[in-house]
Amino acid sequence: MPAHVVLVDLLALVFALAGFHMAFRQRLVRRLWDKGRDARGLPHKDRVEKPEGDDPVHYALIIFGMMLFAFGLILIAFTTAYALMT
C-alpha cells in the first residue's frame, strides 16, 4: 500500500478513537478538557454535577462523537478499499 494511504488510515483511526471516547467515555474527555484549561493557565471552571439526562452537553458529545467515529471508520474503509482495488 502507498504511504499516503497508511497516513490517511492513521489519521482516520485517530478520528475514530476520538469519536468513540467523546460518545462513550465522556468523563475522561471532560477531565482532559479541564487539564488542558489548567495547562494553558485559564481559570478553573467549576462543573455542577447533573444527571446525564439533564446535561445538554452530554447529548452534544454523543452526537458529535458518533459522527466523528463514523467518519473515521468510513474514511479507513474507503481509502483502503480504493487502494487495494487499484
PDB file of N, CA and C in Angstrom:
ATOM      1  N   MET A   1       0.836  -1.174   0.000  1.00  0.00           N
ATOM      2  CA  MET A   1       0.000   0.000   0.000  1.00  0.00           C
ATOM      3  C   MET A   1       0.888   1.248   0.000  1.00  0.00           C
ATOM      4  N   PRO A   2       0.455   2.271  -0.703  1.00  0.00           N
ATOM      5  CA  PRO A   2       1.232   3.508  -0.717  1.00  0.00           C
ATOM      6  C   PRO A   2       1.261   4.183   0.665  1.00  0.00           C
ATOM      7  N   ALA A   3       2.269   5.006   0.846  1.00  0.00           N
ATOM      8  CA  ALA A   3       2.462   5.658   2.142  1.00  0.00           C
ATOM      9  C   ALA A   3       1.314   6.616   2.469  1.00  0.00           C
ATOM     10  N   HIS A   4       0.768   7.292   1.445  1.00  0.00           N
ATOM     11  CA  HIS A   4      -0.307   8.243   1.740  1.00  0.00           C
ATOM     12  C   HIS A   4      -1.571   7.539   2.229  1.00  0.00           C
ATOM     13  N   VAL A   5      -1.798   6.322   1.799  1.00  0.00           N
ATOM     14  CA  VAL A   5      -2.971   5.570   2.279  1.00  0.00           C
ATOM     15  C   VAL A   5      -2.790   5.211   3.753  1.00  0.00           C
ATOM     16  N   VAL A   6      -1.588   4.820   4.115  1.00  0.00           N
ATOM     17  CA  VAL A   6      -1.312   4.482   5.515  1.00  0.00           C
ATOM     18  C   VAL A   6      -1.466   5.722   6.399  1.00  0.00           C
ATOM     19  N   LEU A   7      -0.984   6.869   5.918  1.00  0.00           N
ATOM     20  CA  LEU A   7      -1.112   8.104   6.690  1.00  0.00           C
ATOM     21  C   LEU A   7      -2.578   8.510   6.864  1.00  0.00           C
ATOM     22  N   VAL A   8      -3.359   8.400   5.798  1.00  0.00           N
ATOM     23  CA  VAL A   8      -4.788   8.725   5.894  1.00  0.00           C
ATOM     24  C   VAL A   8      -5.484   7.743   6.833  1.00  0.00           C
ATOM     25  N   ASP A   9      -5.117   6.470   6.768  1.00  0.00           N
ATOM     26  CA  ASP A   9      -5.709   5.482   7.677  1.00  0.00           C
ATOM     27  C   ASP A   9      -5.366   5.783   9.134  1.00  0.00           C
ATOM     28  N   LEU A  10      -4.136   6.216   9.405  1.00  0.00           N
ATOM     29  CA  LEU A  10      -3.762   6.565  10.773  1.00  0.00           C
ATOM     30  C   LEU A  10      -4.536   7.787  11.266  1.00  0.00           C
ATOM     31  N   LEU A  11      -4.688   8.789  10.411  1.00  0.00           N
ATOM     32  CA  LEU A  11      -5.469   9.961  10.777  1.00  0.00           C
ATOM     33  C   LEU A  11      -6.932   9.583  11.026  1.00  0.00           C
ATOM     34  N   ALA A  12      -7.476   8.733  10.177  1.00  0.00           N
ATOM     35  CA  ALA A  12      -8.858   8.289  10.349  1.00  0.00           C
ATOM     36  C   ALA A  12      -9.004   7.463  11.626  1.00  0.00           C
ATOM     37  N   LEU A  13      -7.988   6.704  11.989  1.00  0.00           N
ATOM     38  CA  LEU A  13      -8.021   5.947  13.236  1.00  0.00           C
ATOM     39  C   LEU A  13      -8.045   6.890  14.440  1.00  0.00           C
ATOM     40  N   VAL A  14      -7.294   7.980  14.362  1.00  0.00           N
ATOM     41  CA  VAL A  14      -7.331   8.989  15.428  1.00  0.00           C
ATOM     42  C   VAL A  14      -8.729   9.595  15.531  1.00  0.00           C
ATOM     43  N   PHE A  15      -9.357   9.901  14.387  1.00  0.00           N
ATOM     44  CA  PHE A  15     -10.720  10.427  14.400  1.00  0.00           C
ATOM     45  C   PHE A  15     -11.682   9.427  15.039  1.00  0.00           C
ATOM     46  N   ALA A  16     -11.570   8.159  14.660  1.00  0.00           N
ATOM     47  CA  ALA A  16     -12.471   7.140  15.193  1.00  0.00           C
ATOM     48  C   ALA A  16     -12.281   6.976  16.705  1.00  0.00           C
ATOM     49  N   LEU A  17     -11.046   6.974  17.170  1.00  0.00           N
ATOM     50  CA  LEU A  17     -10.801   6.838  18.608  1.00  0.00           C
ATOM     51  C   LEU A  17     -11.295   8.054  19.380  1.00  0.00           C
ATOM     52  N   ALA A  18     -11.077   9.233  18.832  1.00  0.00           N
ATOM     53  CA  ALA A  18     -11.566  10.447  19.495  1.00  0.00           C
ATOM     54  C   ALA A  18     -13.089  10.448  19.547  1.00  0.00           C
ATOM     55  N   GLY A  19     -13.728  10.052  18.459  1.00  0.00           N
ATOM     56  CA  GLY A  19     -15.185   9.992  18.439  1.00  0.00           C
ATOM     57  C   GLY A  19     -15.738   8.974  19.417  1.00  0.00           C
ATOM     58  N   PHE A  20     -15.092   7.817  19.501  1.00  0.00           N
ATOM     59  CA  PHE A  20     -15.524   6.796  20.458  1.00  0.00           C
ATOM     60  C   PHE A  20     -15.456   7.325  21.881  1.00  0.00           C
ATOM     61  N   HIS A  21     -14.350   7.980  22.205  1.00  0.00           N
ATOM     62  CA  HIS A  21     -14.194   8.494  23.557  1.00  0.00           C
ATOM     63  C   HIS A  21     -15.186   9.626  23.843  1.00  0.00           C
ATOM     64  N   MET A  22     -15.458  10.463  22.853  1.00  0.00           N
ATOM     65  CA  MET A  22     -16.417  11.548  23.070  1.00  0.00           C
ATOM     66  C   MET A  22     -17.833  11.006  23.281  1.00  0.00           C
ATOM     67  N   ALA A  23     -18.164   9.922  22.603  1.00  0.00           N
ATOM     68  CA  ALA A  23     -19.513   9.379  22.709  1.00  0.00           C
ATOM     69  C   ALA A  23     -19.699   8.497  23.942  1.00  0.00           C
ATOM     70  N   PHE A  24     -18.690   7.702  24.280  1.00  0.00           N
ATOM     71  CA  PHE A  24     -18.897   6.678  25.306  1.00  0.00           C
ATOM     72  C   PHE A  24     -18.069   6.860  26.572  1.00  0.00           C
ATOM     73  N   ARG A  25     -17.044   7.701  26.536  1.00  0.00           N
ATOM     74  CA  ARG A  25     -16.201   7.909  27.718  1.00  0.00           C
ATOM     75  C   ARG A  25     -16.129   9.399  28.030  1.00  0.00           C
ATOM     76  N   GLN A  26     -17.270   9.977  28.313  1.00  0.00           N
ATOM     77  CA  GLN A  26     -17.368  11.427  28.441  1.00  0.00           C
ATOM     78  C   GLN A  26     -16.660  11.969  29.680  1.00  0.00           C
ATOM     79  N   ARG A  27     -16.630  11.216  30.746  1.00  0.00           N
ATOM     80  CA  ARG A  27     -15.924  11.705  31.942  1.00  0.00           C
ATOM     81  C   ARG A  27     -14.441  11.885  31.660  1.00  0.00           C
ATOM     82  N   LEU A  28     -13.856  10.958  30.930  1.00  0.00           N
ATOM     83  CA  LEU A  28     -12.445  11.065  30.568  1.00  0.00           C
ATOM     84  C   LEU A  28     -12.199  12.293  29.691  1.00  0.00           C
ATOM     85  N   VAL A  29     -13.062  12.511  28.721  1.00  0.00           N
ATOM     86  CA  VAL A  29     -12.913  13.654  27.815  1.00  0.00           C
ATOM     87  C   VAL A  29     -13.050  14.961  28.586  1.00  0.00           C
ATOM     88  N   ARG A  30     -13.983  15.037  29.490  1.00  0.00           N
ATOM     89  CA  ARG A  30     -14.158  16.271  30.272  1.00  0.00           C
ATOM     90  C   ARG A  30     -12.984  16.517  31.201  1.00  0.00           C
ATOM     91  N   ARG A  31     -12.412  15.447  31.783  1.00  0.00           N
ATOM     92  CA  ARG A  31     -11.212  15.617  32.614  1.00  0.00           C
ATOM     93  C   ARG A  31     -10.047  16.118  31.777  1.00  0.00           C
ATOM     94  N   LEU A  32      -9.901  15.583  30.550  1.00  0.00           N
ATOM     95  CA  LEU A  32      -8.821  16.046  29.666  1.00  0.00           C
ATOM     96  C   LEU A  32      -9.019  17.509  29.284  1.00  0.00           C
ATOM     97  N   TRP A  33     -10.255  17.927  29.037  1.00  0.00           N
ATOM     98  CA  TRP A  33     -10.534  19.338  28.738  1.00  0.00           C
ATOM     99  C   TRP A  33     -10.151  20.220  29.916  1.00  0.00           C
ATOM    100  N   ASP A  34     -10.489  19.769  31.128  1.00  0.00           N
ATOM    101  CA  ASP A  34     -10.145  20.553  32.318  1.00  0.00           C
ATOM    102  C   ASP A  34      -8.633  20.641  32.507  1.00  0.00           C
ATOM    103  N   LYS A  35      -7.915  19.545  32.265  1.00  0.00           N
ATOM    104  CA  LYS A  35      -6.452  19.582  32.371  1.00  0.00           C
ATOM    105  C   LYS A  35      -5.854  20.493  31.310  1.00  0.00           C
ATOM    106  N   GLY A  36      -6.445  20.505  30.116  1.00  0.00           N
ATOM    107  CA  GLY A  36      -5.975  21.400  29.061  1.00  0.00           C
ATOM    108  C   GLY A  36      -6.184  22.856  29.432  1.00  0.00           C
ATOM    109  N   ARG A  37      -7.306  23.167  30.069  1.00  0.00           N
ATOM    110  CA  ARG A  37      -7.550  24.544  30.533  1.00  0.00           C
ATOM    111  C   ARG A  37      -6.525  24.931  31.586  1.00  0.00           C
ATOM    112  N   ASP A  38      -6.234  24.009  32.517  1.00  0.00           N
ATOM    113  CA  ASP A  38      -5.252  24.294  33.562  1.00  0.00           C
ATOM    114  C   ASP A  38      -3.854  24.486  32.966  1.00  0.00           C
ATOM    115  N   ALA A  39      -3.503  23.673  31.967  1.00  0.00           N
ATOM    116  CA  ALA A  39      -2.174  23.772  31.353  1.00  0.00           C
ATOM    117  C   ALA A  39      -1.994  25.095  30.609  1.00  0.00           C
ATOM    118  N   ARG A  40      -3.073  25.632  30.057  1.00  0.00           N
ATOM    119  CA  ARG A  40      -2.991  26.911  29.344  1.00  0.00           C
ATOM    120  C   ARG A  40      -3.095  28.099  30.280  1.00  0.00           C
ATOM    121  N   GLY A  41      -3.334  27.858  31.552  1.00  0.00           N
ATOM    122  CA  GLY A  41      -3.418  28.936  32.521  1.00  0.00           C
ATOM    123  C   GLY A  41      -4.776  29.604  32.581  1.00  0.00           C
ATOM    124  N   LEU A  42      -5.786  28.978  32.019  1.00  0.00           N
ATOM    125  CA  LEU A  42      -7.131  29.540  32.084  1.00  0.00           C
ATOM    126  C   LEU A  42      -7.723  29.272  33.462  1.00  0.00           C
ATOM    127  N   PRO A  43      -8.651  30.099  33.904  1.00  0.00           N
ATOM    128  CA  PRO A  43      -9.226  29.893  35.240  1.00  0.00           C
ATOM    129  C   PRO A  43      -9.996  28.568  35.314  1.00  0.00           C
ATOM    130  N   HIS A  44      -9.988  27.994  36.514  1.00  0.00           N
ATOM    131  CA  HIS A  44     -10.684  26.719  36.722  1.00  0.00           C
ATOM    132  C   HIS A  44     -12.184  26.940  36.619  1.00  0.00           C
ATOM    133  N   LYS A  45     -12.834  26.056  35.913  1.00  0.00           N
ATOM    134  CA  LYS A  45     -14.270  26.157  35.709  1.00  0.00           C
ATOM    135  C   LYS A  45     -14.956  25.091  36.563  1.00  0.00           C
ATOM    136  N   ASP A  46     -15.703  25.537  37.555  1.00  0.00           N
ATOM    137  CA  ASP A  46     -16.420  24.584  38.412  1.00  0.00           C
ATOM    138  C   ASP A  46     -17.577  23.979  37.643  1.00  0.00           C
ATOM    139  N   ARG A  47     -17.668  22.675  37.711  1.00  0.00           N
ATOM    140  CA  ARG A  47     -18.711  21.960  36.996  1.00  0.00           C
ATOM    141  C   ARG A  47     -19.727  21.427  37.983  1.00  0.00           C
ATOM    142  N   VAL A  48     -20.967  21.766  37.774  1.00  0.00           N
ATOM    143  CA  VAL A  48     -22.049  21.273  38.633  1.00  0.00           C
ATOM    144  C   VAL A  48     -22.441  19.893  38.129  1.00  0.00           C
ATOM    145  N   GLU A  49     -22.404  18.926  39.025  1.00  0.00           N
ATOM    146  CA  GLU A  49     -22.772  17.566  38.650  1.00  0.00           C
ATOM    147  C   GLU A  49     -24.274  17.490  38.422  1.00  0.00           C
ATOM    148  N   LYS A  50     -24.651  17.128  37.209  1.00  0.00           N
ATOM    149  CA  LYS A  50     -26.058  16.955  36.861  1.00  0.00           C
ATOM    150  C   LYS A  50     -26.273  15.517  36.408  1.00  0.00           C
ATOM    151  N   PRO A  51     -27.476  15.028  36.540  1.00  0.00           N
ATOM    152  CA  PRO A  51     -27.763  13.722  35.944  1.00  0.00           C
ATOM    153  C   PRO A  51     -27.582  13.793  34.423  1.00  0.00           C
ATOM    154  N   GLU A  52     -27.218  12.678  33.820  1.00  0.00           N
ATOM    155  CA  GLU A  52     -26.923  12.691  32.387  1.00  0.00           C
ATOM    156  C   GLU A  52     -28.095  13.177  31.549  1.00  0.00           C
ATOM    157  N   GLY A  53     -29.318  12.934  31.993  1.00  0.00           N
ATOM    158  CA  GLY A  53     -30.477  13.359  31.232  1.00  0.00           C
ATOM    159  C   GLY A  53     -30.703  14.863  31.255  1.00  0.00           C
ATOM    160  N   ASP A  54     -30.138  15.554  32.232  1.00  0.00           N
ATOM    161  CA  ASP A  54     -30.338  17.000  32.358  1.00  0.00           C
ATOM    162  C   ASP A  54     -29.199  17.815  31.747  1.00  0.00           C
ATOM    163  N   ASP A  55     -28.127  17.183  31.337  1.00  0.00           N
ATOM    164  CA  ASP A  55     -26.953  17.889  30.837  1.00  0.00           C
ATOM    165  C   ASP A  55     -26.998  17.948  29.310  1.00  0.00           C
ATOM    166  N   PRO A  56     -27.181  19.132  28.707  1.00  0.00           N
ATOM    167  CA  PRO A  56     -27.256  19.212  27.249  1.00  0.00           C
ATOM    168  C   PRO A  56     -25.922  18.880  26.563  1.00  0.00           C
ATOM    169  N   VAL A  57     -24.815  19.085  27.267  1.00  0.00           N
ATOM    170  CA  VAL A  57     -23.511  18.770  26.675  1.00  0.00           C
ATOM    171  C   VAL A  57     -23.369  17.256  26.483  1.00  0.00           C
ATOM    172  N   HIS A  58     -24.013  16.498  27.331  1.00  0.00           N
ATOM    173  CA  HIS A  58     -23.981  15.034  27.225  1.00  0.00           C
ATOM    174  C   HIS A  58     -24.478  14.583  25.845  1.00  0.00           C
ATOM    175  N   TYR A  59     -25.599  15.140  25.416  1.00  0.00           N
ATOM    176  CA  TYR A  59     -26.159  14.742  24.125  1.00  0.00           C
ATOM    177  C   TYR A  59     -25.332  15.283  22.962  1.00  0.00           C
ATOM    178  N   ALA A  60     -24.788  16.472  23.108  1.00  0.00           N
ATOM    179  CA  ALA A  60     -23.937  17.031  22.055  1.00  0.00           C
ATOM    180  C   ALA A  60     -22.682  16.181  21.874  1.00  0.00           C
ATOM    181  N   LEU A  61     -22.105  15.717  22.967  1.00  0.00           N
ATOM    182  CA  LEU A  61     -20.924  14.858  22.871  1.00  0.00           C
ATOM    183  C   LEU A  61     -21.263  13.514  22.230  1.00  0.00           C
ATOM    184  N   ILE A  62     -22.420  12.973  22.542  1.00  0.00           N
ATOM    185  CA  ILE A  62     -22.813  11.707  21.924  1.00  0.00           C
ATOM    186  C   ILE A  62     -22.981  11.880  20.415  1.00  0.00           C
ATOM    187  N   ILE A  63     -23.681  12.924  20.009  1.00  0.00           N
ATOM    188  CA  ILE A  63     -23.939  13.131  18.584  1.00  0.00           C
ATOM    189  C   ILE A  63     -22.643  13.400  17.832  1.00  0.00           C
ATOM    190  N   PHE A  64     -21.841  14.353  18.319  1.00  0.00           N
ATOM    191  CA  PHE A  64     -20.604  14.673  17.618  1.00  0.00           C
ATOM    192  C   PHE A  64     -19.621  13.508  17.664  1.00  0.00           C
ATOM    193  N   GLY A  65     -19.572  12.809  18.793  1.00  0.00           N
ATOM    194  CA  GLY A  65     -18.677  11.658  18.904  1.00  0.00           C
ATOM    195  C   GLY A  65     -19.037  10.549  17.923  1.00  0.00           C
ATOM    196  N   MET A  66     -20.311  10.264  17.785  1.00  0.00           N
ATOM    197  CA  MET A  66     -20.729   9.222  16.839  1.00  0.00           C
ATOM    198  C   MET A  66     -20.476   9.643  15.395  1.00  0.00           C
ATOM    199  N   MET A  67     -20.669  10.927  15.104  1.00  0.00           N
ATOM    200  CA  MET A  67     -20.392  11.403  13.749  1.00  0.00           C
ATOM    201  C   MET A  67     -18.902  11.302  13.435  1.00  0.00           C
ATOM    202  N   LEU A  68     -18.052  11.668  14.385  1.00  0.00           N
ATOM    203  CA  LEU A  68     -16.607  11.583  14.187  1.00  0.00           C
ATOM    204  C   LEU A  68     -16.157  10.132  14.093  1.00  0.00           C
ATOM    205  N   PHE A  69     -16.737   9.266  14.915  1.00  0.00           N
ATOM    206  CA  PHE A  69     -16.430   7.838  14.882  1.00  0.00           C
ATOM    207  C   PHE A  69     -16.790   7.233  13.523  1.00  0.00           C
ATOM    208  N   ALA A  70     -17.987   7.535  13.037  1.00  0.00           N
ATOM    209  CA  ALA A  70     -18.422   7.007  11.740  1.00  0.00           C
ATOM    210  C   ALA A  70     -17.566   7.564  10.613  1.00  0.00           C
ATOM    211  N   PHE A  71     -17.220   8.847  10.670  1.00  0.00           N
ATOM    212  CA  PHE A  71     -16.369   9.443   9.640  1.00  0.00           C
ATOM    213  C   PHE A  71     -15.010   8.745   9.591  1.00  0.00           C
ATOM    214  N   GLY A  72     -14.429   8.477  10.751  1.00  0.00           N
ATOM    215  CA  GLY A  72     -13.142   7.792  10.791  1.00  0.00           C
ATOM    216  C   GLY A  72     -13.218   6.389  10.200  1.00  0.00           C
ATOM    217  N   LEU A  73     -14.246   5.641  10.565  1.00  0.00           N
ATOM    218  CA  LEU A  73     -14.390   4.280  10.034  1.00  0.00           C
ATOM    219  C   LEU A  73     -14.630   4.279   8.528  1.00  0.00           C
ATOM    220  N   ILE A  74     -15.467   5.181   8.056  1.00  0.00           N
ATOM    221  CA  ILE A  74     -15.748   5.243   6.623  1.00  0.00           C
ATOM    222  C   ILE A  74     -14.512   5.675   5.849  1.00  0.00           C
ATOM    223  N   LEU A  75     -13.756   6.617   6.406  1.00  0.00           N
ATOM    224  CA  LEU A  75     -12.538   7.062   5.740  1.00  0.00           C
ATOM    225  C   LEU A  75     -11.523   5.932   5.638  1.00  0.00           C
ATOM    226  N   ILE A  76     -11.384   5.149   6.687  1.00  0.00           N
ATOM    227  CA  ILE A  76     -10.484   3.987   6.647  1.00  0.00           C
ATOM    228  C   ILE A  76     -10.957   3.002   5.581  1.00  0.00           C
ATOM    229  N   ALA A  77     -12.240   2.698   5.591  1.00  0.00           N
ATOM    230  CA  ALA A  77     -12.775   1.706   4.652  1.00  0.00           C
ATOM    231  C   ALA A  77     -12.614   2.152   3.201  1.00  0.00           C
ATOM    232  N   PHE A  78     -12.953   3.397   2.911  1.00  0.00           N
ATOM    233  CA  PHE A  78     -12.909   3.856   1.527  1.00  0.00           C
ATOM    234  C   PHE A  78     -11.481   3.982   0.995  1.00  0.00           C
ATOM    235  N   THR A  79     -10.584   4.566   1.804  1.00  0.00           N
ATOM    236  CA  THR A  79      -9.218   4.741   1.299  1.00  0.00           C
ATOM    237  C   THR A  79      -8.510   3.394   1.145  1.00  0.00           C
ATOM    238  N   THR A  80      -8.707   2.496   2.077  1.00  0.00           N
ATOM    239  CA  THR A  80      -8.054   1.187   1.989  1.00  0.00           C
ATOM    240  C   THR A  80      -8.659   0.368   0.855  1.00  0.00           C
ATOM    241  N   ALA A  81      -9.955   0.373   0.721  1.00  0.00           N
ATOM    242  CA  ALA A  81     -10.599  -0.394  -0.344  1.00  0.00           C
ATOM    243  C   ALA A  81     -10.183   0.143  -1.716  1.00  0.00           C
ATOM    244  N   TYR A  82     -10.121   1.454  -1.866  1.00  0.00           N
ATOM    245  CA  TYR A  82      -9.730   2.035  -3.158  1.00  0.00           C
ATOM    246  C   TYR A  82      -8.279   1.686  -3.463  1.00  0.00           C
ATOM    247  N   ALA A  83      -7.419   1.730  -2.454  1.00  0.00           N
ATOM    248  CA  ALA A  83      -6.005   1.413  -2.676  1.00  0.00           C
ATOM    249  C   ALA A  83      -5.835  -0.066  -3.042  1.00  0.00           C
ATOM    250  N   LEU A  84      -6.623  -0.926  -2.457  1.00  0.00           N
ATOM    251  CA  LEU A  84      -6.487  -2.355  -2.747  1.00  0.00           C
ATOM    252  C   LEU A  84      -7.097  -2.718  -4.105  1.00  0.00           C
ATOM    253  N   MET A  85      -8.088  -1.970  -4.547  1.00  0.00           N
ATOM    254  CA  MET A  85      -8.732  -2.283  -5.829  1.00  0.00           C
ATOM    255  C   MET A  85      -7.989  -1.704  -7.038  1.00  0.00           C
ATOM    256  N   THR A  86      -7.138  -0.726  -6.828  1.00  0.00           N
ATOM    257  CA  THR A  86      -6.426  -0.133  -7.965  1.00  0.00           C
ATOM    258  C   THR A  86      -5.021  -0.633  -8.053  1.00  0.00           C
TER     259      THR A  86
END
